[in-house]
Amino acid sequence: MSDSRRYDDDEVREIFERATELDTPGRITAGGSSASSSSGMSLAELQAIGAEAGIDPALVARAAADLETSGDAVPTIRRFGVPITVGRVVDLPARLSDEDWDQLVVRLRDLFQARGNTVHEGSLRSWSNGNLQVLLEPTREGYRLRMRSLSNSVRGRLVGGAMMLGANVVLSALALLGGGGLGEVATIFTLIGGGGAALFGSALFGGRRWRATRDAQFQEIGALAWTLASRRALPDASDDPD
């Protein structure tokens, strides 16, 4: 894939701001790039400008990766308003090499504490562990990394809570129709209804925490993949006549 991604003036400014924050000496300001054109600038051009100012091209790539991965979240599937899935898609500036993919898999295994299963079919590659999937796939424009995950734990607690609350209503009604007193109904509500409410509460807070954690992990993996791919979009330094 060619380095076809072009960054407009605002994106250029944001990339250099982020790169400056990553670079301890901070040798570029937010308005440090005046070479942008109406057609935008490529990553290679941004890295060349940063290198002239003394900023490591890898930091520019990382800042661009942060920008690329910040707005590519996949719509979340919810049950009873609680998120049970999370996903993220990252368009890559170049194809990942075999070595790049191996590095990504190593990080996936370390981050998720799971060996997982890898599949390589032509230009398609994937790593999965249960309902957690990371896929490298071709597109019309080049390549992208697609990540998705579903929480069986959160979904199970929601289903369990709904069933217990439903059973609470039915049993309470049967108790009243059968002549049971308020004490019996209160007992049913406390044991079954309270348990259902507790499961729902656990799913609500647990689901939000799980989604935030998983999305942060996906952003990290996306940034790593983008940085690895960006190196392949750059000309080989050995070709420099100097």
Protein backbone atom coordinates (compact mmCIF):
# COMPACT_ATOMS: atom_id res chain seq x y z
CA MET A 1 0.00 0.00 0.00
CA SER A 2 1.26 3.50 -0.78
CA ASP A 3 1.38 6.15 1.88
CA SER A 4 -1.94 7.62 0.68
CA ARG A 5 -3.21 9.07 3.97
CA ARG A 6 -3.00 12.87 3.87
CA TYR A 7 -3.28 15.05 6.97
CA ASP A 8 -4.86 18.50 6.84
CA ASP A 9 -3.53 21.56 8.69
CA ASP A 10 -5.44 20.86 11.90
CA GLU A 11 -4.32 17.22 11.96
CA VAL A 12 -0.72 18.24 11.27
CA ARG A 13 -0.84 20.68 14.17
CA GLU A 14 -2.31 18.06 16.50
CA ILE A 15 0.24 15.43 15.49
CA PHE A 16 3.15 17.76 16.22
CA GLU A 17 1.56 18.78 19.53
CA ARG A 18 1.33 15.12 20.54
CA ALA A 19 4.83 14.38 19.29
CA THR A 20 6.13 17.33 21.31
CA GLU A 21 4.52 15.94 24.45
CA LEU A 22 6.16 12.57 23.78
CA ASP A 23 9.54 14.17 23.08
CA THR A 24 11.10 15.27 26.36
CA PRO A 25 13.12 18.19 24.97
CA GLY A 26 10.01 19.46 23.16
CA ARG A 27 11.68 21.05 20.18
CA ILE A 28 8.55 21.68 18.04
CA THR A 29 5.62 23.90 18.85
CA ALA A 30 2.00 23.43 17.81
CA GLY A 31 2.50 25.77 14.89
CA GLY A 32 5.94 24.44 14.03
CA SER A 33 4.96 23.05 10.63
CA SER A 34 4.47 25.65 7.94
CA ALA A 35 5.04 23.29 5.01
CA SER A 36 1.53 21.87 4.79
CA SER A 37 -0.30 22.30 1.52
CA SER A 38 -3.91 22.39 0.44
CA SER A 39 -3.63 18.71 -0.51
CA GLY A 40 -2.40 17.77 2.95
CA MET A 41 0.76 16.01 4.06
CA SER A 42 1.75 12.37 4.24
CA LEU A 43 3.21 10.63 7.28
CA ALA A 44 6.61 10.44 5.58
CA GLU A 45 6.57 14.19 5.00
CA LEU A 46 5.62 14.84 8.63
CA GLN A 47 8.38 12.55 9.85
CA ALA A 48 10.91 14.31 7.62
CA ILE A 49 9.89 17.69 9.05
CA GLY A 50 10.09 16.32 12.58
CA ALA A 51 13.53 14.81 11.91
CA GLU A 52 14.82 18.20 10.73
CA ALA A 53 13.68 19.67 14.05
CA GLY A 54 15.31 16.86 16.04
CA ILE A 55 12.20 14.77 16.79
CA ASP A 56 12.45 11.01 16.38
CA PRO A 57 10.28 9.89 13.40
CA ALA A 58 8.95 7.08 15.61
CA LEU A 59 7.42 9.68 17.93
CA VAL A 60 5.73 11.39 15.00
CA ALA A 61 4.39 7.99 13.88
CA ARG A 62 3.15 7.29 17.39
CA ALA A 63 1.42 10.68 17.58
CA ALA A 64 -0.21 10.03 14.20
CA ALA A 65 -1.22 6.57 15.40
CA ASP A 66 -2.90 8.11 18.44
CA LEU A 67 -4.79 10.43 16.12
CA GLU A 68 -5.76 7.61 13.76
CA THR A 69 -7.07 5.32 16.50
CA SER A 70 -8.92 7.90 18.56
CA GLY A 71 -12.10 8.04 16.49
CA ASP A 72 -12.59 4.59 15.01
CA ALA A 73 -14.70 2.87 17.65
CA VAL A 74 -17.29 0.40 16.36
CA PRO A 75 -20.92 0.90 17.51
CA THR A 76 -21.56 -0.97 20.74
CA ILE A 77 -24.25 -3.62 21.16
CA ARG A 78 -26.20 -3.11 24.37
CA ARG A 79 -28.66 -5.18 26.37
CA PHE A 80 -30.91 -3.30 28.79
CA GLY A 81 -28.68 -0.29 28.16
CA VAL A 82 -25.54 -2.15 29.25
CA PRO A 83 -22.66 -2.56 26.74
CA ILE A 84 -21.81 -6.19 26.00
CA THR A 85 -19.52 -5.62 23.00
CA VAL A 86 -16.67 -3.32 22.12
CA GLY A 87 -14.83 -2.91 18.84
CA ARG A 88 -12.32 -0.75 17.05
CA VAL A 89 -11.11 -0.49 13.46
CA VAL A 90 -7.74 0.98 12.48
CA ASP A 91 -6.80 1.77 8.88
CA LEU A 92 -3.10 1.02 8.41
CA PRO A 93 -0.70 3.10 6.28
CA ALA A 94 0.94 -0.07 4.92
CA ARG A 95 0.72 -3.86 5.09
CA LEU A 96 2.15 -5.55 8.19
CA SER A 97 5.07 -7.83 7.41
CA ASP A 98 5.35 -11.32 8.89
CA GLU A 99 7.73 -9.96 11.51
CA ASP A 100 5.37 -7.08 12.31
CA TRP A 101 2.45 -9.48 12.76
CA ASP A 102 4.57 -11.69 15.04
CA GLN A 103 5.38 -8.66 17.20
CA LEU A 104 1.71 -7.78 17.37
CA VAL A 105 0.75 -11.33 18.40
CA VAL A 106 3.41 -11.30 21.14
CA ARG A 107 1.92 -8.10 22.55
CA LEU A 108 -1.63 -9.49 22.27
CA ARG A 109 -0.66 -12.58 24.26
CA ASP A 110 1.04 -10.48 26.91
CA LEU A 111 -1.72 -7.87 27.18
CA PHE A 112 -4.61 -10.35 27.38
CA GLN A 113 -2.68 -13.06 29.23
CA ALA A 114 -3.74 -15.69 26.70
CA ARG A 115 -1.93 -17.63 24.00
CA GLY A 116 -4.94 -17.51 21.69
CA ASN A 117 -5.16 -19.01 18.21
CA THR A 118 -3.57 -17.57 15.09
CA VAL A 119 -4.83 -18.17 11.54
CA HIS A 120 -3.12 -17.17 8.29
CA GLU A 121 -5.14 -17.52 5.07
CA GLY A 122 -3.67 -15.67 2.12
CA SER A 123 -3.65 -11.97 3.01
CA LEU A 124 -6.01 -12.57 5.95
CA ARG A 125 -4.59 -13.00 9.44
CA SER A 126 -6.30 -13.31 12.76
CA TRP A 127 -5.66 -13.86 16.44
CA SER A 128 -8.53 -14.94 18.68
CA ASN A 129 -9.20 -16.04 22.22
CA GLY A 130 -12.82 -17.00 22.77
CA ASN A 131 -15.00 -13.97 21.99
CA LEU A 132 -11.95 -11.73 21.60
CA GLN A 133 -10.86 -11.36 17.96
CA VAL A 134 -8.21 -9.33 16.17
CA LEU A 135 -8.23 -9.48 12.36
CA LEU A 136 -5.84 -8.09 9.78
CA GLU A 137 -7.67 -7.78 6.47
CA PRO A 138 -7.27 -6.09 3.08
CA THR A 139 -9.53 -3.26 1.94
CA ARG A 140 -9.87 -1.35 -1.31
CA GLU A 141 -7.54 1.31 0.06
CA GLY A 142 -5.02 -1.03 1.70
CA TYR A 143 -5.21 -2.85 5.02
CA ARG A 144 -7.00 -2.46 8.32
CA LEU A 145 -6.94 -4.00 11.77
CA ARG A 146 -10.38 -4.93 13.09
CA MET A 147 -10.78 -5.73 16.81
CA ARG A 148 -13.91 -6.88 18.61
CA SER A 149 -14.89 -8.49 21.87
CA LEU A 150 -18.07 -9.71 23.56
CA SER A 151 -18.45 -10.21 27.30
CA ASN A 152 -20.26 -13.45 28.14
CA SER A 153 -19.94 -12.56 31.82
CA VAL A 154 -21.84 -9.28 31.51
CA ARG A 155 -24.43 -10.81 29.20
CA GLY A 156 -24.90 -13.77 31.57
CA ARG A 157 -25.48 -11.50 34.57
CA LEU A 158 -28.03 -9.48 32.62
CA VAL A 159 -29.93 -12.60 31.56
CA GLY A 160 -29.75 -14.03 35.07
CA GLY A 161 -30.94 -10.78 36.62
CA ALA A 162 -33.84 -10.51 34.17
CA MET A 163 -34.92 -14.10 34.87
CA MET A 164 -34.79 -13.60 38.64
CA LEU A 165 -36.77 -10.37 38.48
CA GLY A 166 -39.33 -12.04 36.25
CA ALA A 167 -39.57 -15.01 38.61
CA ASN A 168 -39.98 -12.59 41.51
CA VAL A 169 -43.07 -11.03 39.90
CA VAL A 170 -44.62 -14.40 39.06
CA LEU A 171 -43.97 -15.98 42.46
CA SER A 172 -45.16 -12.91 44.31
CA ALA A 173 -48.40 -12.91 42.32
CA LEU A 174 -48.91 -16.64 42.93
CA ALA A 175 -48.29 -16.16 46.65
CA LEU A 176 -50.92 -13.42 46.85
CA LEU A 177 -53.44 -15.42 44.82
CA GLY A 178 -52.81 -18.45 46.99
CA GLY A 179 -53.60 -16.55 50.14
CA GLY A 180 -50.05 -15.87 51.21
CA GLY A 181 -49.47 -12.90 53.45
CA LEU A 182 -47.31 -9.88 52.90
CA GLY A 183 -44.56 -11.55 54.88
CA GLU A 184 -44.31 -14.35 52.33
CA VAL A 185 -44.30 -11.87 49.45
CA ALA A 186 -41.60 -9.82 51.20
CA THR A 187 -39.48 -12.94 51.61
CA ILE A 188 -39.81 -13.78 47.92
CA PHE A 189 -38.96 -10.21 46.95
CA THR A 190 -35.92 -10.13 49.25
CA LEU A 191 -34.47 -13.47 48.16
CA ILE A 192 -35.29 -13.49 44.45
CA GLY A 193 -35.96 -9.86 43.54
CA GLY A 194 -32.99 -8.65 45.55
CA GLY A 195 -30.75 -11.21 43.89
CA GLY A 196 -31.93 -10.14 40.44
CA ALA A 197 -31.37 -6.48 41.22
CA ALA A 198 -27.87 -7.28 42.51
CA LEU A 199 -27.04 -9.11 39.27
CA PHE A 200 -28.29 -6.17 37.22
CA GLY A 201 -26.25 -3.72 39.26
CA SER A 202 -23.16 -5.89 38.91
CA ALA A 203 -23.68 -6.08 35.14
CA LEU A 204 -24.22 -2.32 34.87
CA PHE A 205 -21.04 -1.27 36.65
CA GLY A 206 -19.03 -4.28 35.50
CA GLY A 207 -20.07 -3.75 31.88
CA ARG A 208 -18.98 -0.13 31.84
CA ARG A 209 -15.66 -0.97 33.47
CA TRP A 210 -15.08 -3.90 31.09
CA ARG A 211 -15.85 -1.76 28.04
CA ALA A 212 -13.49 1.03 29.11
CA THR A 213 -10.68 -1.42 29.84
CA ARG A 214 -11.10 -3.36 26.61
CA ASP A 215 -11.35 -0.19 24.50
CA ALA A 216 -8.11 1.13 26.03
CA GLN A 217 -6.44 -2.19 25.21
CA PHE A 218 -7.69 -2.02 21.63
CA GLN A 219 -6.38 1.51 21.28
CA GLU A 220 -2.96 0.35 22.44
CA ILE A 221 -2.93 -2.56 19.97
CA GLY A 222 -4.18 -0.32 17.17
CA ALA A 223 -1.47 2.26 17.85
CA LEU A 224 1.21 -0.46 17.88
CA ALA A 225 -0.03 -1.95 14.58
CA TRP A 226 -0.19 1.50 13.00
CA THR A 227 3.34 2.36 14.16
CA LEU A 228 4.72 -0.94 12.84
CA ALA A 229 2.99 -0.43 9.50
CA SER A 230 4.13 3.18 9.23
CA ARG A 231 7.75 2.07 9.19
CA ARG A 232 7.06 0.18 5.97
CA ALA A 233 5.57 3.32 4.43
CA LEU A 234 8.87 5.15 4.85
CA PRO A 235 11.75 4.94 2.34
CA ASP A 236 14.67 2.83 3.54
CA ALA A 237 17.21 4.99 5.33
CA SER A 238 19.96 2.98 3.60
CA ASP A 239 18.89 4.54 0.30
CA ASP A 240 19.94 7.99 1.53
CA PRO A 241 22.86 9.10 -0.64
CA ASP A 242 24.36 10.93 2.31
